[in-house]
Each structure stands twice: as C-alpha cells, then as structure tokens.
Amino acid sequence: MLKNLLPIVADLVASAVVLLPLLLIGLQTARYWRGEAYRSGQKWAIILFGLYLLAVCSVVGIPSVKYLRLDFSLNLLPLLDITDNPPGYIMNTILNIILFVPLGVFLPAIWPQYRSLSRVAAAGLAFSLSIELFQLFNWRLTDVDDLLTNTLGAVLGFYLFRLVYMFVTKRPPAAMEPGGSKEAWLLWAACLLITIFVYPFLPESLRNWFLYTPFWQ
C-alpha cells in the first residue's frame, strides 16, 4: 500500500518546493490585502490545505502542459458502470468520497464563511467539476458519478468538522455571511497552475530524491 502512494508523495514533494515559498510569502503579507493577518493555527491549516490540494492534483491526474490532449471520454449517466464491475465500482466510489472528506474539513476550519452545509456542498461540487473539466485533456474518464461522490465526501467532511467543533467548544459552528473567502479558490488555482505549467519543468531530482531513496527500497 505504501509503495502505491510513493509516486503521489513524490509529486507532492516536488511541487511543494514551489508552492510553500509562495504560500509563506502570501501569508506574511496577508494583512495588506486581506485587512488582517492570519492566526498561527490558520497559517498551518492553510499550508496543510495547500499540500492536500497538490496531492489531489496528483491523484486525479491533472495533466501537465507537456501531455495535454483532448479526450472526450464522458459519462453523463449516474451508476452506468456499476453493472460491469460492481466491486471495482464500489471501491472507486469509496475512494472518491474519502478523497474529498478533507476538503469538507479544511474549508470550514480555516474560513468561517464555509461553516454552512450548502456552501461546503457547493464548493465540493465546484472543486470536483473543475477536476472533471481538466480530465477532458487527459486519458481519464469525465464521470458524473465522480461529481456526486466527491460532493458527498465534502459533505461528510463538513459533518466531521461540525462534530469535532461541537465536542471541543460545546456549541455548533456559526457561519459568517458570504464573501471574503476567495483565498481557497486562489490556492486551488495556484496548485493547478503549478501542476500544469511548473511541475513538468522541475528537475527530475526533486521527485526522484524521494521516490528512490534507499529508505523505501
């Protein structure tokens, strides 16, 4: 299992070399364009969220500029593939749900504007839709089932956050008015740009240093 995760972690390590300095600069200057500085806990959560988004880019196969190609492999009918391979379909469904659970946790934990089920569900759907659109440019299937399961994962993550929040504070999280939560989308855009336009031109040694270290051999 660990061996299967190594390529993803290697991609993450290489891409993080670019993302982390940008994040640190952005967090340091946040008070000038946000009006207030992030608290220390928020800064660490944003850094972890950025690393999570980079990992998602690797897992779902966001294509790099070197390998972009149109591939209109579409499935717009829910549950269409369940009869072909039920065990594989169920496993893929579970993995898609798990992949987006952290999104449903990070968003309300970092930005109070997302402490609403409808906003987290809408964000989960929008994040998933952007991934499916990018998959029109690689070999992966753009599937309506992925939209549904990813959104469900974000919703489950929201309830997990809510449960932990109520356990710690003894009160339900209160949602703020919409607005002022563009940072999540800017971070997602940065991760996409790094994956598409920067990662393919990074030195191979950045990835191979982790992937082929003797520790894993």
C-alpha atoms as a PDB file:
ATOM      1  CA  MET A   1       0.000   0.000   0.000  1.00  0.00           C
ATOM      2  CA  LEU A   2       2.779   2.422   0.934  1.00  0.00           C
ATOM      3  CA  LYS A   3       4.605   1.642  -2.316  1.00  0.00           C
ATOM      4  CA  ASN A   4       1.482   2.663  -4.264  1.00  0.00           C
ATOM      5  CA  LEU A   5       1.432   6.046  -2.517  1.00  0.00           C
ATOM      6  CA  LEU A   6       5.088   6.840  -3.180  1.00  0.00           C
ATOM      7  CA  PRO A   7       4.579   8.390  -6.670  1.00  0.00           C
ATOM      8  CA  ILE A   8       1.884  10.680  -5.258  1.00  0.00           C
ATOM      9  CA  VAL A   9       4.063  11.740  -2.341  1.00  0.00           C
ATOM     10  CA  ALA A  10       6.998  12.245  -4.713  1.00  0.00           C
ATOM     11  CA  ASP A  11       4.867  14.547  -6.891  1.00  0.00           C
ATOM     12  CA  LEU A  12       3.788  16.378  -3.748  1.00  0.00           C
ATOM     13  CA  VAL A  13       7.353  16.858  -2.529  1.00  0.00           C
ATOM     14  CA  ALA A  14       8.483  18.255  -5.876  1.00  0.00           C
ATOM     15  CA  SER A  15       5.512  20.607  -6.294  1.00  0.00           C
ATOM     16  CA  ALA A  16       5.681  21.767  -2.676  1.00  0.00           C
ATOM     17  CA  VAL A  17       9.149  23.191  -3.360  1.00  0.00           C
ATOM     18  CA  VAL A  18       7.344  25.815  -5.466  1.00  0.00           C
ATOM     19  CA  LEU A  19       4.082  26.167  -3.531  1.00  0.00           C
ATOM     20  CA  LEU A  20       5.437  26.522   0.003  1.00  0.00           C
ATOM     21  CA  PRO A  21       7.591  29.632  -0.631  1.00  0.00           C
ATOM     22  CA  LEU A  22       4.643  31.269  -2.416  1.00  0.00           C
ATOM     23  CA  LEU A  23       2.351  30.392   0.475  1.00  0.00           C
ATOM     24  CA  LEU A  24       4.754  31.695   3.104  1.00  0.00           C
ATOM     25  CA  ILE A  25       5.134  34.997   1.250  1.00  0.00           C
ATOM     26  CA  GLY A  26       1.376  35.270   0.840  1.00  0.00           C
ATOM     27  CA  LEU A  27       0.684  34.526   4.497  1.00  0.00           C
ATOM     28  CA  GLN A  28       3.269  37.059   5.622  1.00  0.00           C
ATOM     29  CA  THR A  29       1.682  39.784   3.514  1.00  0.00           C
ATOM     30  CA  ALA A  30      -1.925  38.755   4.196  1.00  0.00           C
ATOM     31  CA  ARG A  31      -2.654  41.752   6.398  1.00  0.00           C
ATOM     32  CA  TYR A  32      -2.123  44.111   3.466  1.00  0.00           C
ATOM     33  CA  TRP A  33      -4.566  42.528   1.012  1.00  0.00           C
ATOM     34  CA  ARG A  34      -6.885  40.800   3.466  1.00  0.00           C
ATOM     35  CA  GLY A  35      -7.130  43.547   6.047  1.00  0.00           C
ATOM     36  CA  GLU A  36      -5.961  41.300   8.874  1.00  0.00           C
ATOM     37  CA  ALA A  37      -3.261  38.734   9.493  1.00  0.00           C
ATOM     38  CA  TYR A  38      -3.983  35.041   9.824  1.00  0.00           C
ATOM     39  CA  ARG A  39      -3.553  33.486  13.233  1.00  0.00           C
ATOM     40  CA  SER A  40      -0.752  30.946  13.659  1.00  0.00           C
ATOM     41  CA  GLY A  41      -3.153  27.995  13.671  1.00  0.00           C
ATOM     42  CA  GLN A  42      -4.822  29.235  10.490  1.00  0.00           C
ATOM     43  CA  LYS A  43      -1.454  29.577   8.767  1.00  0.00           C
ATOM     44  CA  TRP A  44      -0.537  25.963   9.481  1.00  0.00           C
ATOM     45  CA  ALA A  45      -4.001  24.813   8.382  1.00  0.00           C
ATOM     46  CA  ILE A  46      -3.655  26.728   5.091  1.00  0.00           C
ATOM     47  CA  ILE A  47      -0.244  25.170   4.468  1.00  0.00           C
ATOM     48  CA  LEU A  48      -1.673  21.686   5.085  1.00  0.00           C
ATOM     49  CA  PHE A  49      -4.645  22.526   2.867  1.00  0.00           C
ATOM     50  CA  GLY A  50      -2.282  23.568   0.070  1.00  0.00           C
ATOM     51  CA  LEU A  51      -0.368  20.290   0.364  1.00  0.00           C
ATOM     52  CA  TYR A  52      -3.655  18.388   0.309  1.00  0.00           C
ATOM     53  CA  LEU A  53      -4.699  20.182  -2.891  1.00  0.00           C
ATOM     54  CA  LEU A  54      -1.367  19.354  -4.533  1.00  0.00           C
ATOM     55  CA  ALA A  55      -1.879  15.702  -3.591  1.00  0.00           C
ATOM     56  CA  VAL A  56      -5.374  15.802  -5.107  1.00  0.00           C
ATOM     57  CA  CYS A  57      -3.902  17.143  -8.355  1.00  0.00           C
ATOM     58  CA  SER A  58      -1.565  14.140  -8.452  1.00  0.00           C
ATOM     59  CA  VAL A  59      -4.233  11.580  -7.502  1.00  0.00           C
ATOM     60  CA  VAL A  60      -6.799  12.695 -10.089  1.00  0.00           C
ATOM     61  CA  GLY A  61      -4.219  13.112 -12.853  1.00  0.00           C
ATOM     62  CA  ILE A  62      -4.394  16.830 -13.628  1.00  0.00           C
ATOM     63  CA  PRO A  63      -2.489  16.891 -16.938  1.00  0.00           C
ATOM     64  CA  SER A  64       0.740  18.821 -17.389  1.00  0.00           C
ATOM     65  CA  VAL A  65       1.237  21.162 -20.324  1.00  0.00           C
ATOM     66  CA  LYS A  66       3.596  18.593 -21.874  1.00  0.00           C
ATOM     67  CA  TYR A  67       0.860  15.971 -22.149  1.00  0.00           C
ATOM     68  CA  LEU A  68      -2.328  17.934 -22.820  1.00  0.00           C
ATOM     69  CA  ARG A  69      -4.589  16.266 -25.354  1.00  0.00           C
ATOM     70  CA  LEU A  70      -8.317  16.368 -25.935  1.00  0.00           C
ATOM     71  CA  ASP A  71     -10.007  13.139 -24.878  1.00  0.00           C
ATOM     72  CA  PHE A  72     -13.775  13.423 -24.654  1.00  0.00           C
ATOM     73  CA  SER A  73     -14.366  10.321 -22.572  1.00  0.00           C
ATOM     74  CA  LEU A  74     -17.665  11.256 -20.935  1.00  0.00           C
ATOM     75  CA  ASN A  75     -20.215   9.507 -18.775  1.00  0.00           C
ATOM     76  CA  LEU A  76     -23.254  11.632 -18.009  1.00  0.00           C
ATOM     77  CA  LEU A  77     -25.456   8.804 -16.692  1.00  0.00           C
ATOM     78  CA  PRO A  78     -25.182   8.042 -12.945  1.00  0.00           C
ATOM     79  CA  LEU A  79     -24.500   4.431 -11.929  1.00  0.00           C
ATOM     80  CA  LEU A  80     -23.885   3.394 -15.551  1.00  0.00           C
ATOM     81  CA  ASP A  81     -20.748   1.353 -14.768  1.00  0.00           C
ATOM     82  CA  ILE A  82     -21.987  -0.428 -11.654  1.00  0.00           C
ATOM     83  CA  THR A  83     -23.249  -3.460 -13.579  1.00  0.00           C
ATOM     84  CA  ASP A  84     -19.931  -4.004 -15.419  1.00  0.00           C
ATOM     85  CA  ASN A  85     -17.765  -4.377 -12.322  1.00  0.00           C
ATOM     86  CA  PRO A  86     -19.669  -3.910  -9.037  1.00  0.00           C
ATOM     87  CA  PRO A  87     -16.660  -4.462  -6.680  1.00  0.00           C
ATOM     88  CA  GLY A  88     -14.478  -2.072  -8.679  1.00  0.00           C
ATOM     89  CA  TYR A  89     -17.277   0.495  -8.876  1.00  0.00           C
ATOM     90  CA  ILE A  90     -17.869   0.344  -5.128  1.00  0.00           C
ATOM     91  CA  MET A  91     -14.147   0.651  -4.362  1.00  0.00           C
ATOM     92  CA  ASN A  92     -13.805   3.631  -6.722  1.00  0.00           C
ATOM     93  CA  THR A  93     -16.859   5.252  -5.119  1.00  0.00           C
ATOM     94  CA  ILE A  94     -15.422   4.851  -1.620  1.00  0.00           C
ATOM     95  CA  LEU A  95     -12.052   6.289  -2.687  1.00  0.00           C
ATOM     96  CA  ASN A  96     -13.740   9.280  -4.369  1.00  0.00           C
ATOM     97  CA  ILE A  97     -15.689  10.002  -1.195  1.00  0.00           C
ATOM     98  CA  ILE A  98     -12.603   9.698   1.019  1.00  0.00           C
ATOM     99  CA  LEU A  99     -10.603  11.974  -1.316  1.00  0.00           C
ATOM    100  CA  PHE A 100     -12.933  14.923  -0.681  1.00  0.00           C
ATOM    101  CA  VAL A 101     -13.583  14.442   3.045  1.00  0.00           C
ATOM    102  CA  PRO A 102     -10.537  16.631   3.920  1.00  0.00           C
ATOM    103  CA  LEU A 103     -11.941  19.403   1.713  1.00  0.00           C
ATOM    104  CA  GLY A 104     -15.107  19.439   3.808  1.00  0.00           C
ATOM    105  CA  VAL A 105     -12.988  19.679   6.954  1.00  0.00           C
ATOM    106  CA  PHE A 106     -10.425  22.264   5.827  1.00  0.00           C
ATOM    107  CA  LEU A 107     -12.844  24.816   4.358  1.00  0.00           C
ATOM    108  CA  PRO A 108     -14.958  25.483   7.478  1.00  0.00           C
ATOM    109  CA  ALA A 109     -11.975  25.008   9.796  1.00  0.00           C
ATOM    110  CA  ILE A 110      -9.989  27.777   8.074  1.00  0.00           C
ATOM    111  CA  TRP A 111     -12.704  30.085   6.749  1.00  0.00           C
ATOM    112  CA  PRO A 112     -15.840  30.710   8.881  1.00  0.00           C
ATOM    113  CA  GLN A 113     -17.702  31.676   5.692  1.00  0.00           C
ATOM    114  CA  TYR A 114     -17.806  27.961   4.876  1.00  0.00           C
ATOM    115  CA  ARG A 115     -19.445  26.895   8.129  1.00  0.00           C
ATOM    116  CA  SER A 116     -22.614  26.130   6.235  1.00  0.00           C
ATOM    117  CA  LEU A 117     -23.593  22.798   4.706  1.00  0.00           C
ATOM    118  CA  SER A 118     -24.866  24.372   1.494  1.00  0.00           C
ATOM    119  CA  ARG A 119     -21.643  26.361   0.941  1.00  0.00           C
ATOM    120  CA  VAL A 120     -19.414  23.349   1.564  1.00  0.00           C
ATOM    121  CA  ALA A 121     -21.558  21.189  -0.736  1.00  0.00           C
ATOM    122  CA  ALA A 122     -21.428  23.875  -3.440  1.00  0.00           C
ATOM    123  CA  ALA A 123     -17.654  24.187  -3.019  1.00  0.00           C
ATOM    124  CA  GLY A 124     -17.228  20.403  -3.194  1.00  0.00           C
ATOM    125  CA  LEU A 125     -19.268  20.301  -6.401  1.00  0.00           C
ATOM    126  CA  ALA A 126     -17.307  23.221  -7.905  1.00  0.00           C
ATOM    127  CA  PHE A 127     -13.903  21.752  -6.993  1.00  0.00           C
ATOM    128  CA  SER A 128     -14.941  18.386  -8.433  1.00  0.00           C
ATOM    129  CA  LEU A 129     -16.340  19.981 -11.597  1.00  0.00           C
ATOM    130  CA  SER A 130     -13.066  21.782 -12.238  1.00  0.00           C
ATOM    131  CA  ILE A 131     -11.230  18.463 -11.949  1.00  0.00           C
ATOM    132  CA  GLU A 132     -13.628  16.726 -14.332  1.00  0.00           C
ATOM    133  CA  LEU A 133     -13.215  19.525 -16.891  1.00  0.00           C
ATOM    134  CA  PHE A 134      -9.428  19.201 -16.755  1.00  0.00           C
ATOM    135  CA  GLN A 135      -9.795  15.462 -17.276  1.00  0.00           C
ATOM    136  CA  LEU A 136     -11.132  16.256 -20.740  1.00  0.00           C
ATOM    137  CA  PHE A 137      -7.477  16.926 -21.572  1.00  0.00           C
ATOM    138  CA  ASN A 138      -6.004  13.615 -20.442  1.00  0.00           C
ATOM    139  CA  TRP A 139      -6.765   9.919 -20.626  1.00  0.00           C
ATOM    140  CA  ARG A 140      -9.157   9.815 -17.652  1.00  0.00           C
ATOM    141  CA  LEU A 141     -12.937   9.499 -17.809  1.00  0.00           C
ATOM    142  CA  THR A 142     -15.014  12.591 -17.051  1.00  0.00           C
ATOM    143  CA  ASP A 143     -17.755  10.990 -14.982  1.00  0.00           C
ATOM    144  CA  VAL A 144     -20.897  12.402 -13.392  1.00  0.00           C
ATOM    145  CA  ASP A 145     -20.549   9.782 -10.648  1.00  0.00           C
ATOM    146  CA  ASP A 146     -17.307  11.456  -9.566  1.00  0.00           C
ATOM    147  CA  LEU A 147     -19.153  14.766  -9.148  1.00  0.00           C
ATOM    148  CA  LEU A 148     -21.730  13.123  -6.902  1.00  0.00           C
ATOM    149  CA  THR A 149     -19.298  11.103  -4.792  1.00  0.00           C
ATOM    150  CA  ASN A 150     -16.802  13.957  -4.405  1.00  0.00           C
ATOM    151  CA  THR A 151     -19.591  16.268  -3.254  1.00  0.00           C
ATOM    152  CA  LEU A 152     -20.780  13.620  -0.815  1.00  0.00           C
ATOM    153  CA  GLY A 153     -17.240  13.354   0.552  1.00  0.00           C
ATOM    154  CA  ALA A 154     -17.110  17.130   1.138  1.00  0.00           C
ATOM    155  CA  VAL A 155     -20.473  16.958   2.923  1.00  0.00           C
ATOM    156  CA  LEU A 156     -19.268  14.126   5.167  1.00  0.00           C
ATOM    157  CA  GLY A 157     -16.135  16.146   5.902  1.00  0.00           C
ATOM    158  CA  PHE A 158     -18.293  19.111   6.919  1.00  0.00           C
ATOM    159  CA  TYR A 159     -20.228  16.953   9.381  1.00  0.00           C
ATOM    160  CA  LEU A 160     -16.956  15.574  10.734  1.00  0.00           C
ATOM    161  CA  PHE A 161     -15.720  19.141  11.294  1.00  0.00           C
ATOM    162  CA  ARG A 162     -19.037  20.069  12.912  1.00  0.00           C
ATOM    163  CA  LEU A 163     -18.872  17.046  15.239  1.00  0.00           C
ATOM    164  CA  VAL A 164     -15.313  17.844  16.369  1.00  0.00           C
ATOM    165  CA  TYR A 165     -16.110  21.559  16.713  1.00  0.00           C
ATOM    166  CA  MET A 166     -19.137  20.873  18.930  1.00  0.00           C
ATOM    167  CA  PHE A 167     -17.156  18.391  21.019  1.00  0.00           C
ATOM    168  CA  VAL A 168     -14.409  20.964  21.635  1.00  0.00           C
ATOM    169  CA  THR A 169     -16.461  24.154  22.015  1.00  0.00           C
ATOM    170  CA  LYS A 170     -19.785  22.701  23.242  1.00  0.00           C
ATOM    171  CA  ARG A 171     -21.657  24.785  20.645  1.00  0.00           C
ATOM    172  CA  PRO A 172     -22.392  24.477  16.913  1.00  0.00           C
ATOM    173  CA  PRO A 173     -20.233  26.449  14.464  1.00  0.00           C
ATOM    174  CA  ALA A 174     -21.811  29.691  13.295  1.00  0.00           C
ATOM    175  CA  ALA A 175     -21.499  30.585   9.615  1.00  0.00           C
ATOM    176  CA  MET A 176     -20.500  34.090   8.586  1.00  0.00           C
ATOM    177  CA  GLU A 177     -22.034  35.992   5.705  1.00  0.00           C
ATOM    178  CA  PRO A 178     -20.765  35.020   2.246  1.00  0.00           C
ATOM    179  CA  GLY A 179     -17.744  36.860   0.898  1.00  0.00           C
ATOM    180  CA  GLY A 180     -14.133  37.189   1.931  1.00  0.00           C
ATOM    181  CA  SER A 181     -13.403  33.515   1.283  1.00  0.00           C
ATOM    182  CA  LYS A 182     -11.675  33.758  -2.093  1.00  0.00           C
ATOM    183  CA  GLU A 183      -8.393  32.523  -0.623  1.00  0.00           C
ATOM    184  CA  ALA A 184      -9.423  28.875  -1.017  1.00  0.00           C
ATOM    185  CA  TRP A 185     -10.000  29.367  -4.744  1.00  0.00           C
ATOM    186  CA  LEU A 186      -6.770  31.302  -5.181  1.00  0.00           C
ATOM    187  CA  LEU A 187      -4.915  28.460  -3.500  1.00  0.00           C
ATOM    188  CA  TRP A 188      -6.624  25.897  -5.729  1.00  0.00           C
ATOM    189  CA  ALA A 189      -5.757  27.967  -8.811  1.00  0.00           C
ATOM    190  CA  ALA A 190      -2.120  28.155  -7.675  1.00  0.00           C
ATOM    191  CA  CYS A 191      -1.967  24.370  -7.237  1.00  0.00           C
ATOM    192  CA  LEU A 192      -3.471  23.822 -10.695  1.00  0.00           C
ATOM    193  CA  LEU A 193      -1.040  26.256 -12.330  1.00  0.00           C
ATOM    194  CA  ILE A 194       1.934  24.634 -10.588  1.00  0.00           C
ATOM    195  CA  THR A 195       0.772  21.145 -11.626  1.00  0.00           C
ATOM    196  CA  ILE A 196       0.093  22.106 -15.244  1.00  0.00           C
ATOM    197  CA  PHE A 197       2.810  24.635 -16.062  1.00  0.00           C
ATOM    198  CA  VAL A 198       5.584  24.368 -13.458  1.00  0.00           C
ATOM    199  CA  TYR A 199       5.828  20.751 -12.267  1.00  0.00           C
ATOM    200  CA  PRO A 200       6.757  19.287 -15.699  1.00  0.00           C
ATOM    201  CA  PHE A 201       9.789  21.594 -15.886  1.00  0.00           C
ATOM    202  CA  LEU A 202      11.113  20.967 -12.383  1.00  0.00           C
ATOM    203  CA  PRO A 203      14.369  18.969 -12.136  1.00  0.00           C
ATOM    204  CA  GLU A 204      13.699  15.232 -12.011  1.00  0.00           C
ATOM    205  CA  SER A 205      15.990  15.029  -8.996  1.00  0.00           C
ATOM    206  CA  LEU A 206      13.350  16.763  -6.860  1.00  0.00           C
ATOM    207  CA  ARG A 207      10.957  13.876  -7.432  1.00  0.00           C
ATOM    208  CA  ASN A 208      13.477  11.060  -7.644  1.00  0.00           C
ATOM    209  CA  TRP A 209      15.176  12.074  -4.389  1.00  0.00           C
ATOM    210  CA  PHE A 210      12.088  10.936  -2.534  1.00  0.00           C
ATOM    211  CA  LEU A 211      10.886   8.195  -4.864  1.00  0.00           C
ATOM    212  CA  TYR A 212      14.177   6.290  -4.971  1.00  0.00           C
ATOM    213  CA  THR A 213      15.603   6.987  -1.541  1.00  0.00           C
ATOM    214  CA  PRO A 214      17.112   3.808  -0.008  1.00  0.00           C
ATOM    215  CA  PHE A 215      14.620   4.045   2.866  1.00  0.00           C
ATOM    216  CA  TRP A 216      11.860   2.688   0.619  1.00  0.00           C
ATOM    217  CA  GLN A 217      13.924   0.020  -1.071  1.00  0.00           C
END
